[in-house]
Amino acid sequence: PVFNNALAGAAGSGGADDYTIERSLRFDSSSSAYLSKTFSTSGDRQSWTWSGWVKPSKFSSGRQVLFSGGTTANDSDWLEFGYDNGNFYSVSNSIGITSPNVFRDYSAWKHIVVTYNGSNLIFYSNGTQFHSGTRTGNLGINSAALHTIGKSSLATSREFDGYIADIHFIDGQALAPTDFGEFSADTGVWNPIRFSGNYGTNG
């Protein structure tokens, strides 16, 4: 697992191959820190997977983005925590899918996986599905446009505050959490494993 008391972020071990997450990225909302990449061509906009270990640092009155794609109001999507109530959101063209679950534990890392299969967005936390919402058609994510980690790609807003580690974006496949983690047979704790699949064109 990612050790909760690790210094400077994520570190962990445990999976079948004793996979270790050695580092994490610290996102400080006050300094507007984020990562970005512009995809030169569209990937499969109806099939993708995002996976990452996440540890929020604080709640705020706004919502904070983990991953986002697209730069126009009618062709952008993002995945975010709503820190005003701790729910997890997917937002597209001002139409949101919101999970009923609340995440308020600062001390624990969470493995978040979100998949899109052209019909549904499915949300997982620590290996367990916690929400599914109906969506169809092309999403802004995986388009030939700016993609960001740690803020909205649509504007300089909704910066994430916390740690993210072991980030994967898979183009063309809606994968299961078991492609990135597994439950320990000894403790029942969800642990990271090494991803061994194909990332696709834009992954």
Foldseek 3Di string as FASTA:
>chain_A
DFALPDPQDTWDFDDPVRDIFDHWDFFALVVLDKDKDFAQAFFAQQWKKKKWKWAADAADQAKAFFKKFDADLQAIWTWIAGRNFQWTWIAHSNDIDIFPDHDDDNRDIWMWMWIGRQFWIWIDTLQHTRDIDGDHDGHRPRHRGMMMGQHYNHDSDRGTGGIITDIAMATPHGDGCVLFWDQDPVPRGIDGDDRDDDRPDVD
